[in-house]
Amino acid sequence: MALAEKFKQSDLYIDGVWRAEQVSVTLPKLTRKFEEFRPGGLNRPIKVDMGGEALEAEWTAGGWVRDVINGFGATSIDAQLLRFVASFQDDSTGAVHSWEAVIGGRHEEIDLGESKPGEDTEMKCKTAVAFYSLHRDGEELVYIDVLALIERYGGRDIMEAHRAALGRA
């Protein structure tokens, strides 16, 4: 019987530098914008794909992270690179799998929360995402580069024909 893989360990890298922070992350939701369309001859509308919704990530780090605070107010859309690496374990086999999410963007919100002497601190961040990739054991599952008009899911680039049509291939 296969059991679900369970989250075990994680690391955070900011602009390529390892941070010894406790981190939790909500990765970008993959959402599509659909619009109802009812052409003649159909009894009900169908939903037509109008592209993806804006991507954002929310994450929390134990303590205050100077490099993130310094990156706030960046003027370029992909100013800071965040790399979340996690290990998941399949308890039925003992196999450990690596998951890696890379996010390029700029911070929309930084919340340093409440601080009290003798208690842990944390900071919560909301990051507007321009680049997102997700890999499991080195296999690319998701690759989105908004500015380059690239979107790959399971290796299939759904924007390739559009780039070619625009002369950007």
N, C-alpha and C. Protein backbone atom coordinates (compact mmCIF):
# COMPACT_ATOMS: atom_id res chain seq x y z
N MET A 1 0.85 -1.18 0.00
CA MET A 1 0.00 0.00 0.00
C MET A 1 0.89 1.24 0.00
N ALA A 2 0.60 2.17 -0.86
CA ALA A 2 1.37 3.42 -0.92
C ALA A 2 0.78 4.43 0.05
N LEU A 3 1.65 5.08 0.78
CA LEU A 3 1.24 6.15 1.68
C LEU A 3 1.66 7.48 1.09
N ALA A 4 1.00 8.52 1.46
CA ALA A 4 1.36 9.85 0.98
C ALA A 4 2.73 10.24 1.53
N GLU A 5 3.49 10.94 0.72
CA GLU A 5 4.78 11.45 1.18
C GLU A 5 4.52 12.54 2.23
N LYS A 6 5.35 12.55 3.27
CA LYS A 6 5.18 13.52 4.35
C LYS A 6 6.34 14.49 4.37
N PHE A 7 6.02 15.75 4.56
CA PHE A 7 7.01 16.82 4.66
C PHE A 7 7.89 16.58 5.88
N LYS A 8 9.22 16.66 5.70
CA LYS A 8 10.14 16.38 6.81
C LYS A 8 11.06 17.56 7.13
N GLN A 9 11.82 18.05 6.14
CA GLN A 9 12.82 19.09 6.38
C GLN A 9 12.72 20.16 5.29
N SER A 10 13.26 21.36 5.56
CA SER A 10 13.26 22.39 4.52
C SER A 10 14.40 23.37 4.74
N ASP A 11 14.78 24.03 3.66
CA ASP A 11 15.77 25.09 3.68
C ASP A 11 15.27 26.23 2.80
N LEU A 12 15.77 27.41 3.07
CA LEU A 12 15.46 28.60 2.28
C LEU A 12 16.77 29.22 1.82
N TYR A 13 16.83 29.56 0.55
CA TYR A 13 17.97 30.29 -0.02
C TYR A 13 17.43 31.61 -0.55
N ILE A 14 18.10 32.70 -0.24
CA ILE A 14 17.72 34.02 -0.75
C ILE A 14 18.86 34.53 -1.60
N ASP A 15 18.56 34.74 -2.89
CA ASP A 15 19.58 35.15 -3.86
C ASP A 15 20.81 34.25 -3.79
N GLY A 16 20.57 32.94 -3.64
CA GLY A 16 21.63 31.94 -3.66
C GLY A 16 22.34 31.71 -2.34
N VAL A 17 21.97 32.44 -1.31
CA VAL A 17 22.62 32.32 0.00
C VAL A 17 21.70 31.53 0.94
N TRP A 18 22.25 30.47 1.53
CA TRP A 18 21.48 29.63 2.44
C TRP A 18 21.15 30.42 3.70
N ARG A 19 19.90 30.31 4.10
CA ARG A 19 19.44 30.96 5.33
C ARG A 19 19.02 29.89 6.32
N ALA A 20 19.57 29.91 7.51
CA ALA A 20 19.22 28.93 8.53
C ALA A 20 17.96 29.40 9.25
N GLU A 21 16.90 29.49 8.50
CA GLU A 21 15.64 29.97 9.06
C GLU A 21 14.64 28.82 9.10
N GLN A 22 13.77 28.85 10.06
CA GLN A 22 12.60 27.99 9.99
C GLN A 22 11.69 28.65 8.98
N VAL A 23 11.21 27.88 8.03
CA VAL A 23 10.41 28.51 6.98
C VAL A 23 9.20 27.64 6.66
N SER A 24 8.09 28.29 6.44
CA SER A 24 6.91 27.63 5.90
C SER A 24 6.49 28.44 4.69
N VAL A 25 5.92 27.76 3.70
CA VAL A 25 5.62 28.45 2.46
C VAL A 25 4.29 27.97 1.88
N THR A 26 3.57 28.89 1.30
CA THR A 26 2.42 28.58 0.47
C THR A 26 2.82 28.97 -0.94
N LEU A 27 3.09 27.97 -1.76
CA LEU A 27 3.57 28.21 -3.11
C LEU A 27 2.46 28.82 -3.97
N PRO A 28 2.83 29.43 -5.09
CA PRO A 28 1.81 30.05 -5.95
C PRO A 28 0.73 29.05 -6.37
N LYS A 29 -0.50 29.49 -6.31
CA LYS A 29 -1.61 28.68 -6.82
C LYS A 29 -1.57 28.75 -8.33
N LEU A 30 -1.72 27.61 -8.97
CA LEU A 30 -1.80 27.56 -10.42
C LEU A 30 -3.27 27.71 -10.79
N THR A 31 -3.62 28.86 -11.31
CA THR A 31 -5.01 29.13 -11.65
C THR A 31 -5.09 29.64 -13.08
N ARG A 32 -6.18 29.33 -13.72
CA ARG A 32 -6.47 29.82 -15.07
C ARG A 32 -7.70 30.70 -14.99
N LYS A 33 -7.74 31.70 -15.84
CA LYS A 33 -8.91 32.56 -15.93
C LYS A 33 -9.77 32.05 -17.08
N PHE A 34 -11.00 31.68 -16.77
CA PHE A 34 -11.93 31.18 -17.78
C PHE A 34 -13.09 32.16 -17.93
N GLU A 35 -13.55 32.30 -19.15
CA GLU A 35 -14.68 33.17 -19.44
C GLU A 35 -15.75 32.32 -20.12
N GLU A 36 -16.99 32.52 -19.71
CA GLU A 36 -18.07 31.77 -20.33
C GLU A 36 -18.31 32.26 -21.75
N PHE A 37 -18.56 31.30 -22.64
CA PHE A 37 -18.80 31.60 -24.05
C PHE A 37 -19.89 30.65 -24.54
N ARG A 38 -20.94 31.23 -25.11
CA ARG A 38 -22.02 30.39 -25.63
C ARG A 38 -22.28 30.76 -27.08
N PRO A 39 -21.63 30.04 -27.97
CA PRO A 39 -21.88 30.29 -29.39
C PRO A 39 -23.23 29.69 -29.80
N GLY A 40 -23.72 30.12 -30.96
CA GLY A 40 -24.95 29.55 -31.48
C GLY A 40 -24.84 28.04 -31.63
N GLY A 41 -25.92 27.35 -31.39
CA GLY A 41 -25.94 25.91 -31.55
C GLY A 41 -25.57 25.14 -30.29
N LEU A 42 -25.20 25.83 -29.22
CA LEU A 42 -24.91 25.14 -27.95
C LEU A 42 -26.03 25.45 -26.97
N ASN A 43 -26.38 24.46 -26.17
CA ASN A 43 -27.45 24.60 -25.20
C ASN A 43 -26.99 25.29 -23.92
N ARG A 44 -25.71 25.30 -23.69
CA ARG A 44 -25.17 25.92 -22.48
C ARG A 44 -23.79 26.49 -22.81
N PRO A 45 -23.31 27.41 -21.98
CA PRO A 45 -21.98 27.98 -22.26
C PRO A 45 -20.86 27.00 -21.94
N ILE A 46 -19.75 27.20 -22.58
CA ILE A 46 -18.51 26.50 -22.24
C ILE A 46 -17.54 27.55 -21.72
N LYS A 47 -16.54 27.13 -21.00
CA LYS A 47 -15.56 28.07 -20.46
C LYS A 47 -14.34 28.08 -21.36
N VAL A 48 -13.94 29.26 -21.80
CA VAL A 48 -12.81 29.46 -22.70
C VAL A 48 -11.64 29.97 -21.87
N ASP A 49 -10.47 29.40 -22.10
CA ASP A 49 -9.25 29.76 -21.37
C ASP A 49 -8.75 31.13 -21.81
N MET A 50 -8.66 32.07 -20.89
CA MET A 50 -8.21 33.43 -21.17
C MET A 50 -6.82 33.70 -20.59
N GLY A 51 -6.11 32.64 -20.18
CA GLY A 51 -4.76 32.82 -19.65
C GLY A 51 -4.72 32.60 -18.15
N GLY A 52 -3.55 32.76 -17.60
CA GLY A 52 -3.36 32.51 -16.17
C GLY A 52 -3.63 33.74 -15.32
N GLU A 53 -3.91 33.49 -14.07
CA GLU A 53 -4.06 34.56 -13.08
C GLU A 53 -2.68 34.94 -12.56
N ALA A 54 -2.59 36.09 -11.91
CA ALA A 54 -1.33 36.54 -11.31
C ALA A 54 -0.88 35.53 -10.26
N LEU A 55 0.44 35.34 -10.16
CA LEU A 55 1.01 34.40 -9.20
C LEU A 55 1.50 35.14 -7.97
N GLU A 56 1.29 34.53 -6.81
CA GLU A 56 1.86 35.08 -5.58
C GLU A 56 2.18 33.93 -4.64
N ALA A 57 3.15 34.17 -3.79
CA ALA A 57 3.52 33.19 -2.77
C ALA A 57 3.46 33.87 -1.42
N GLU A 58 3.12 33.12 -0.41
CA GLU A 58 3.16 33.61 0.96
C GLU A 58 4.05 32.69 1.76
N TRP A 59 4.89 33.26 2.58
CA TRP A 59 5.81 32.44 3.34
C TRP A 59 6.15 33.12 4.66
N THR A 60 6.58 32.30 5.59
CA THR A 60 6.92 32.78 6.93
C THR A 60 8.30 32.26 7.29
N ALA A 61 9.12 33.14 7.82
CA ALA A 61 10.46 32.76 8.28
C ALA A 61 10.55 33.02 9.77
N GLY A 62 11.27 32.13 10.47
CA GLY A 62 11.53 32.33 11.89
C GLY A 62 12.54 33.47 12.04
N GLY A 63 12.20 34.46 12.81
CA GLY A 63 13.08 35.62 12.99
C GLY A 63 12.89 36.62 11.85
N TRP A 64 13.64 37.68 11.93
CA TRP A 64 13.60 38.70 10.88
C TRP A 64 14.76 38.46 9.94
N VAL A 65 14.51 38.56 8.64
CA VAL A 65 15.52 38.27 7.63
C VAL A 65 15.91 39.58 6.95
N ARG A 66 17.11 40.05 7.26
CA ARG A 66 17.60 41.35 6.76
C ARG A 66 17.59 41.43 5.24
N ASP A 67 18.02 40.35 4.57
CA ASP A 67 18.11 40.37 3.11
C ASP A 67 16.75 40.57 2.45
N VAL A 68 15.70 40.07 3.05
CA VAL A 68 14.36 40.25 2.51
C VAL A 68 13.90 41.68 2.74
N ILE A 69 14.15 42.19 3.92
CA ILE A 69 13.76 43.57 4.22
C ILE A 69 14.51 44.54 3.30
N ASN A 70 15.80 44.28 3.07
CA ASN A 70 16.58 45.12 2.15
C ASN A 70 16.04 45.05 0.72
N GLY A 71 15.43 43.90 0.35
CA GLY A 71 14.90 43.75 -0.99
C GLY A 71 13.53 44.37 -1.20
N PHE A 72 12.91 44.82 -0.12
CA PHE A 72 11.58 45.42 -0.24
C PHE A 72 11.69 46.75 -0.98
N GLY A 73 10.75 47.03 -1.83
CA GLY A 73 10.78 48.27 -2.60
C GLY A 73 11.62 48.16 -3.86
N ALA A 74 12.04 46.95 -4.21
CA ALA A 74 12.82 46.76 -5.43
C ALA A 74 11.99 47.22 -6.63
N THR A 75 12.66 47.80 -7.60
CA THR A 75 11.94 48.34 -8.75
C THR A 75 11.78 47.33 -9.89
N SER A 76 12.61 46.29 -9.93
CA SER A 76 12.44 45.31 -11.00
C SER A 76 11.47 44.22 -10.56
N ILE A 77 10.72 43.71 -11.51
CA ILE A 77 9.64 42.77 -11.22
C ILE A 77 10.12 41.42 -10.69
N ASP A 78 11.36 41.05 -11.02
CA ASP A 78 11.92 39.77 -10.55
C ASP A 78 13.16 40.00 -9.71
N ALA A 79 13.07 40.96 -8.79
CA ALA A 79 14.23 41.47 -8.05
C ALA A 79 14.88 40.45 -7.12
N GLN A 80 14.11 39.62 -6.46
CA GLN A 80 14.69 38.71 -5.48
C GLN A 80 14.37 37.27 -5.83
N LEU A 81 15.38 36.41 -5.69
CA LEU A 81 15.23 35.00 -6.01
C LEU A 81 15.15 34.21 -4.72
N LEU A 82 14.07 33.48 -4.55
CA LEU A 82 13.85 32.65 -3.37
C LEU A 82 13.84 31.20 -3.82
N ARG A 83 14.56 30.37 -3.09
CA ARG A 83 14.61 28.94 -3.41
C ARG A 83 14.25 28.17 -2.16
N PHE A 84 13.14 27.47 -2.22
CA PHE A 84 12.68 26.64 -1.12
C PHE A 84 12.99 25.19 -1.49
N VAL A 85 13.70 24.49 -0.61
CA VAL A 85 14.04 23.09 -0.83
C VAL A 85 13.47 22.30 0.34
N ALA A 86 12.82 21.19 0.03
CA ALA A 86 12.21 20.39 1.09
C ALA A 86 12.43 18.92 0.82
N SER A 87 12.47 18.15 1.89
CA SER A 87 12.50 16.69 1.75
C SER A 87 11.16 16.14 2.24
N PHE A 88 10.67 15.19 1.47
CA PHE A 88 9.45 14.47 1.81
C PHE A 88 9.81 13.00 1.89
N GLN A 89 9.17 12.28 2.81
CA GLN A 89 9.48 10.87 2.97
C GLN A 89 8.23 10.02 2.80
N ASP A 90 8.39 8.96 2.02
CA ASP A 90 7.34 7.97 1.84
C ASP A 90 7.51 6.96 2.98
N ASP A 91 6.60 6.99 3.93
CA ASP A 91 6.74 6.12 5.10
C ASP A 91 6.51 4.65 4.80
N SER A 92 5.92 4.32 3.65
CA SER A 92 5.73 2.90 3.33
C SER A 92 7.02 2.28 2.80
N THR A 93 7.90 3.10 2.17
CA THR A 93 9.15 2.56 1.62
C THR A 93 10.38 3.15 2.29
N GLY A 94 10.22 4.27 2.97
CA GLY A 94 11.36 4.97 3.56
C GLY A 94 12.07 5.88 2.58
N ALA A 95 11.66 5.88 1.31
CA ALA A 95 12.31 6.70 0.28
C ALA A 95 12.12 8.19 0.59
N VAL A 96 13.20 8.93 0.42
CA VAL A 96 13.17 10.38 0.63
C VAL A 96 13.24 11.06 -0.74
N HIS A 97 12.38 12.03 -0.94
CA HIS A 97 12.31 12.75 -2.21
C HIS A 97 12.56 14.24 -1.98
N SER A 98 13.26 14.84 -2.93
CA SER A 98 13.57 16.26 -2.88
C SER A 98 12.55 17.05 -3.69
N TRP A 99 12.04 18.09 -3.12
CA TRP A 99 11.17 19.04 -3.81
C TRP A 99 11.86 20.39 -3.77
N GLU A 100 11.83 21.09 -4.88
CA GLU A 100 12.47 22.41 -4.95
C GLU A 100 11.55 23.37 -5.68
N ALA A 101 11.30 24.52 -5.06
CA ALA A 101 10.53 25.59 -5.69
C ALA A 101 11.41 26.81 -5.76
N VAL A 102 11.49 27.42 -6.94
CA VAL A 102 12.25 28.65 -7.13
C VAL A 102 11.26 29.73 -7.54
N ILE A 103 11.35 30.86 -6.85
CA ILE A 103 10.44 31.97 -7.08
C ILE A 103 11.26 33.23 -7.31
N GLY A 104 10.96 33.92 -8.38
CA GLY A 104 11.57 35.22 -8.63
C GLY A 104 10.48 36.26 -8.61
N GLY A 105 10.68 37.29 -7.83
CA GLY A 105 9.65 38.32 -7.75
C GLY A 105 10.07 39.45 -6.84
N ARG A 106 9.10 40.18 -6.41
CA ARG A 106 9.35 41.25 -5.44
C ARG A 106 8.28 41.17 -4.37
N HIS A 107 8.63 41.68 -3.22
CA HIS A 107 7.78 41.50 -2.05
C HIS A 107 6.69 42.57 -2.02
N GLU A 108 5.49 42.06 -1.93
CA GLU A 108 4.32 42.94 -1.87
C GLU A 108 4.04 43.37 -0.43
N GLU A 109 4.36 42.47 0.49
CA GLU A 109 4.04 42.74 1.89
C GLU A 109 5.05 42.03 2.79
N ILE A 110 5.52 42.74 3.80
CA ILE A 110 6.37 42.15 4.84
C ILE A 110 5.75 42.52 6.18
N ASP A 111 5.46 41.52 6.98
CA ASP A 111 4.84 41.72 8.29
C ASP A 111 5.79 41.16 9.34
N LEU A 112 6.37 42.03 10.15
CA LEU A 112 7.32 41.60 11.18
C LEU A 112 6.61 41.12 12.44
N GLY A 113 5.30 41.24 12.48
CA GLY A 113 4.53 40.69 13.59
C GLY A 113 4.83 41.34 14.92
N GLU A 114 4.37 40.69 15.96
CA GLU A 114 4.56 41.18 17.32
C GLU A 114 5.85 40.59 17.90
N SER A 115 6.58 41.40 18.62
CA SER A 115 7.83 40.95 19.24
C SER A 115 7.76 41.17 20.75
N LYS A 116 8.11 40.13 21.50
CA LYS A 116 8.13 40.22 22.95
C LYS A 116 9.43 39.61 23.43
N PRO A 117 10.05 40.19 24.44
CA PRO A 117 11.28 39.60 24.98
C PRO A 117 11.04 38.16 25.44
N GLY A 118 11.97 37.29 25.11
CA GLY A 118 11.89 35.91 25.54
C GLY A 118 11.00 35.03 24.67
N GLU A 119 10.44 35.58 23.60
CA GLU A 119 9.59 34.79 22.71
C GLU A 119 10.15 34.83 21.29
N ASP A 120 9.84 33.78 20.53
CA ASP A 120 10.30 33.72 19.15
C ASP A 120 9.64 34.81 18.32
N THR A 121 10.36 35.24 17.30
CA THR A 121 9.81 36.19 16.34
C THR A 121 9.71 35.52 14.98
N GLU A 122 8.92 36.10 14.13
CA GLU A 122 8.80 35.61 12.77
C GLU A 122 8.41 36.77 11.87
N MET A 123 8.66 36.57 10.59
CA MET A 123 8.20 37.56 9.62
C MET A 123 7.40 36.83 8.55
N LYS A 124 6.32 37.46 8.14
CA LYS A 124 5.47 36.91 7.09
C LYS A 124 5.64 37.77 5.85
N CYS A 125 5.73 37.11 4.71
CA CYS A 125 5.94 37.82 3.45
C CYS A 125 4.92 37.36 2.42
N LYS A 126 4.52 38.32 1.59
CA LYS A 126 3.74 38.01 0.40
C LYS A 126 4.57 38.49 -0.77
N THR A 127 4.86 37.59 -1.70
CA THR A 127 5.74 37.88 -2.83
C THR A 127 4.96 37.79 -4.13
N ALA A 128 4.98 38.87 -4.91
CA ALA A 128 4.40 38.87 -6.26
C ALA A 128 5.40 38.16 -7.16
N VAL A 129 4.95 37.14 -7.88
CA VAL A 129 5.84 36.21 -8.58
C VAL A 129 5.84 36.47 -10.09
N ALA A 130 7.06 36.60 -10.65
CA ALA A 130 7.24 36.72 -12.10
C ALA A 130 7.85 35.44 -12.68
N PHE A 131 8.51 34.65 -11.82
CA PHE A 131 9.14 33.40 -12.24
C PHE A 131 8.85 32.34 -11.19
N TYR A 132 8.50 31.13 -11.64
CA TYR A 132 8.20 30.05 -10.71
C TYR A 132 8.56 28.72 -11.36
N SER A 133 9.33 27.92 -10.64
CA SER A 133 9.58 26.56 -11.10
C SER A 133 9.44 25.61 -9.92
N LEU A 134 9.00 24.40 -10.22
CA LEU A 134 8.81 23.37 -9.21
C LEU A 134 9.36 22.07 -9.75
N HIS A 135 10.25 21.45 -8.97
CA HIS A 135 10.89 20.18 -9.36
C HIS A 135 10.73 19.16 -8.25
N ARG A 136 10.60 17.89 -8.64
CA ARG A 136 10.63 16.77 -7.69
C ARG A 136 11.74 15.84 -8.13
N ASP A 137 12.69 15.60 -7.26
CA ASP A 137 13.85 14.75 -7.57
C ASP A 137 14.49 15.15 -8.90
N GLY A 138 14.57 16.45 -9.15
CA GLY A 138 15.21 16.96 -10.36
C GLY A 138 14.31 17.00 -11.59
N GLU A 139 13.13 16.43 -11.52
CA GLU A 139 12.21 16.43 -12.66
C GLU A 139 11.38 17.72 -12.64
N GLU A 140 11.40 18.43 -13.75
CA GLU A 140 10.63 19.67 -13.86
C GLU A 140 9.14 19.35 -13.96
N LEU A 141 8.38 19.90 -13.02
CA LEU A 141 6.92 19.74 -13.04
C LEU A 141 6.25 21.01 -13.55
N VAL A 142 6.75 22.16 -13.09
CA VAL A 142 6.19 23.46 -13.47
C VAL A 142 7.35 24.41 -13.77
N TYR A 143 7.22 25.18 -14.85
CA TYR A 143 8.19 26.22 -15.18
C TYR A 143 7.42 27.37 -15.81
N ILE A 144 7.34 28.48 -15.10
CA ILE A 144 6.62 29.65 -15.59
C ILE A 144 7.56 30.85 -15.53
N ASP A 145 7.82 31.43 -16.69
CA ASP A 145 8.56 32.69 -16.79
C ASP A 145 7.63 33.68 -17.47
N VAL A 146 6.96 34.47 -16.67
CA VAL A 146 5.92 35.36 -17.19
C VAL A 146 6.48 36.31 -18.23
N LEU A 147 7.63 36.92 -17.96
CA LEU A 147 8.19 37.91 -18.88
C LEU A 147 8.67 37.30 -20.19
N ALA A 148 9.12 36.05 -20.18
CA ALA A 148 9.59 35.37 -21.39
C ALA A 148 8.46 34.62 -22.11
N LEU A 149 7.24 34.65 -21.56
CA LEU A 149 6.08 33.99 -22.14
C LEU A 149 6.30 32.48 -22.26
N ILE A 150 6.84 31.89 -21.18
CA ILE A 150 7.07 30.45 -21.13
C ILE A 150 6.23 29.86 -20.01
N GLU A 151 5.47 28.81 -20.32
CA GLU A 151 4.73 28.06 -19.31
C GLU A 151 4.81 26.58 -19.68
N ARG A 152 5.53 25.83 -18.85
CA ARG A 152 5.65 24.39 -19.07
C ARG A 152 5.07 23.65 -17.87
N TYR A 153 4.29 22.63 -18.19
CA TYR A 153 3.73 21.74 -17.17
C TYR A 153 4.04 20.33 -17.62
N GLY A 154 4.81 19.61 -16.83
CA GLY A 154 5.20 18.25 -17.22
C GLY A 154 5.98 18.23 -18.52
N GLY A 155 6.72 19.30 -18.79
CA GLY A 155 7.55 19.38 -19.99
C GLY A 155 6.84 19.92 -21.23
N ARG A 156 5.54 20.14 -21.15
CA ARG A 156 4.77 20.63 -22.30
C ARG A 156 4.61 22.14 -22.19
N ASP A 157 5.12 22.89 -23.18
CA ASP A 157 5.09 24.35 -23.17
C ASP A 157 3.81 24.82 -23.86
N ILE A 158 2.87 25.33 -23.06
CA ILE A 158 1.59 25.74 -23.63
C ILE A 158 1.66 27.10 -24.32
N MET A 159 2.78 27.80 -24.20
CA MET A 159 2.91 29.11 -24.84
C MET A 159 3.84 29.10 -26.05
N GLU A 160 4.40 27.95 -26.39
CA GLU A 160 5.37 27.87 -27.48
C GLU A 160 4.80 28.39 -28.80
N ALA A 161 3.59 27.97 -29.16
CA ALA A 161 2.97 28.41 -30.42
C ALA A 161 2.69 29.91 -30.40
N HIS A 162 2.36 30.45 -29.24
CA HIS A 162 2.09 31.89 -29.14
C HIS A 162 3.39 32.69 -29.32
N ARG A 163 4.48 32.20 -28.72
CA ARG A 163 5.78 32.89 -28.92
C ARG A 163 6.16 32.87 -30.39
N ALA A 164 5.96 31.73 -31.04
CA ALA A 164 6.29 31.62 -32.47
C ALA A 164 5.44 32.59 -33.30
N ALA A 165 4.15 32.67 -32.98
CA ALA A 165 3.25 33.57 -33.70
C ALA A 165 3.65 35.03 -33.53
N LEU A 166 4.26 35.34 -32.39
CA LEU A 166 4.70 36.71 -32.11
C LEU A 166 6.13 36.97 -32.56
N GLY A 167 6.79 35.94 -33.11
CA GLY A 167 8.18 36.09 -33.54
C GLY A 167 9.16 36.08 -32.38
N ARG A 168 8.78 35.49 -31.26
CA ARG A 168 9.62 35.45 -30.06
C ARG A 168 10.18 34.06 -29.79
N ALA A 169 10.06 33.16 -30.74
CA ALA A 169 10.48 31.76 -30.52
C ALA A 169 11.96 31.59 -30.42
